[in-house]
Amino acid sequence: MTQGEQQTLAAMVQANDKLLKALTVLLAIKDEHLLAELNGVFAAITAESSEIRAGGPDVWDHLRHELALISCLVAEAESEPDETDGGGAGGVVN
C-alpha cells in the first residue's frame, strides 16, 4: 500500500468514526435507553467466548472510552437549547 493510499484509508477511517459517533448521538437523543442497551450488549459479549468478543483488552478499553465520549456528547446535546436555523443541513465541523 502506498503512502497516498494509507493517507486515504486513514481519512476514511476517521470520517467513518465521526459519522458513527454522530449517528449514535442522534439515536441516543431520540431513544433515552439506547446507551444503556448498548452497554448491556457489550457487557454480555465480553461475558461470552464468541467470535464477536475477539480483540485484546485495548480494544475493549477503547470501546468503553468511545461509549463514555458518546454519553458526554448526548448529555451536552440534551442540555443545549434547540437552535434550529431553518437553513438546511448545515456545515461540516472540523
Protein backbone atom coordinates (compact mmCIF):
# COMPACT_ATOMS: atom_id res chain seq x y z
CA MET A 1 0.00 0.00 0.00
CA THR A 2 1.42 3.37 -0.99
CA GLN A 3 1.67 6.31 1.38
CA GLY A 4 -1.12 8.08 -0.52
CA GLU A 5 -3.37 5.03 -0.18
CA GLN A 6 -2.57 4.83 3.54
CA GLN A 7 -3.48 8.50 3.99
CA THR A 8 -6.73 7.99 2.09
CA LEU A 9 -7.57 4.95 4.19
CA ALA A 10 -6.75 6.80 7.42
CA ALA A 11 -9.00 9.70 6.38
CA MET A 12 -11.83 7.26 5.58
CA VAL A 13 -11.47 5.53 8.95
CA GLN A 14 -11.52 8.87 10.79
CA ALA A 15 -14.53 10.08 8.80
CA ASN A 16 -16.42 6.84 9.47
CA ASP A 17 -15.56 7.09 13.16
CA LYS A 18 -17.02 10.60 13.30
CA LEU A 19 -20.12 9.59 11.34
CA LEU A 20 -20.79 6.60 13.60
CA LYS A 21 -20.39 8.74 16.72
CA ALA A 22 -22.73 11.39 15.33
CA LEU A 23 -25.30 8.78 14.35
CA THR A 24 -25.11 7.12 17.75
CA VAL A 25 -25.53 10.50 19.47
CA LEU A 26 -28.56 11.34 17.33
CA LEU A 27 -30.15 7.97 18.01
CA ALA A 28 -29.40 8.22 21.73
CA ILE A 29 -31.05 11.63 21.87
CA LYS A 30 -34.17 10.12 20.30
CA ASP A 31 -34.08 6.97 22.45
CA GLU A 32 -33.11 7.56 26.07
CA HIS A 33 -32.47 3.84 26.63
CA LEU A 34 -30.08 3.32 23.69
CA LEU A 35 -26.79 3.86 25.54
CA ALA A 36 -27.82 1.63 28.44
CA GLU A 37 -28.84 -1.05 25.94
CA LEU A 38 -25.53 -0.73 24.06
CA ASN A 39 -23.60 -1.05 27.32
CA GLY A 40 -25.68 -4.13 28.16
CA VAL A 41 -24.98 -5.70 24.78
CA PHE A 42 -21.23 -5.18 25.10
CA ALA A 43 -21.26 -6.42 28.71
CA ALA A 44 -22.98 -9.61 27.54
CA ILE A 45 -20.49 -10.01 24.68
CA THR A 46 -17.50 -9.74 26.99
CA ALA A 47 -19.02 -12.36 29.29
CA GLU A 48 -19.18 -14.91 26.47
CA SER A 49 -16.47 -16.58 24.46
CA SER A 50 -17.72 -15.83 20.98
CA GLU A 51 -16.10 -14.59 17.80
CA ILE A 52 -17.50 -11.09 18.33
CA ARG A 53 -15.58 -10.92 21.62
CA ALA A 54 -12.27 -11.25 19.76
CA GLY A 55 -9.83 -8.45 20.44
CA GLY A 56 -7.41 -7.61 23.16
CA PRO A 57 -8.10 -5.58 26.27
CA ASP A 58 -7.04 -2.43 24.43
CA VAL A 59 -9.97 -2.88 22.01
CA TRP A 60 -12.47 -3.13 24.85
CA ASP A 61 -10.83 -0.23 26.72
CA HIS A 62 -11.18 1.88 23.58
CA LEU A 63 -14.80 0.81 23.17
CA ARG A 64 -15.59 1.83 26.76
CA HIS A 65 -13.87 5.16 26.12
CA GLU A 66 -15.91 5.72 22.96
CA LEU A 67 -19.19 4.91 24.75
CA ALA A 68 -18.29 7.32 27.55
CA LEU A 69 -17.47 10.02 24.99
CA ILE A 70 -20.79 9.44 23.23
CA SER A 71 -22.61 9.64 26.58
CA CYS A 72 -20.97 13.02 27.24
CA LEU A 73 -21.90 14.27 23.77
CA VAL A 74 -25.52 13.20 24.32
CA ALA A 75 -25.62 14.92 27.71
CA GLU A 76 -24.24 18.12 26.17
CA ALA A 77 -26.69 17.99 23.28
CA GLU A 78 -29.64 17.43 25.61
CA SER A 79 -28.62 20.33 27.85
CA GLU A 80 -28.34 22.83 24.99
CA PRO A 81 -31.40 24.76 23.86
CA ASP A 82 -32.83 23.74 20.49
CA GLU A 83 -31.15 26.03 17.97
CA THR A 84 -32.74 25.48 14.59
CA ASP A 85 -31.68 27.93 11.94
CA GLY A 86 -34.04 26.76 9.23
CA GLY A 87 -31.09 26.80 6.86
CA GLY A 88 -30.91 23.19 5.77
CA ALA A 89 -28.32 20.61 6.69
CA GLY A 90 -25.67 22.99 7.96
CA GLY A 91 -21.93 22.60 7.59
CA VAL A 92 -19.33 20.06 8.47
CA VAL A 93 -17.47 20.75 11.70
CA ASN A 94 -13.74 20.07 11.77
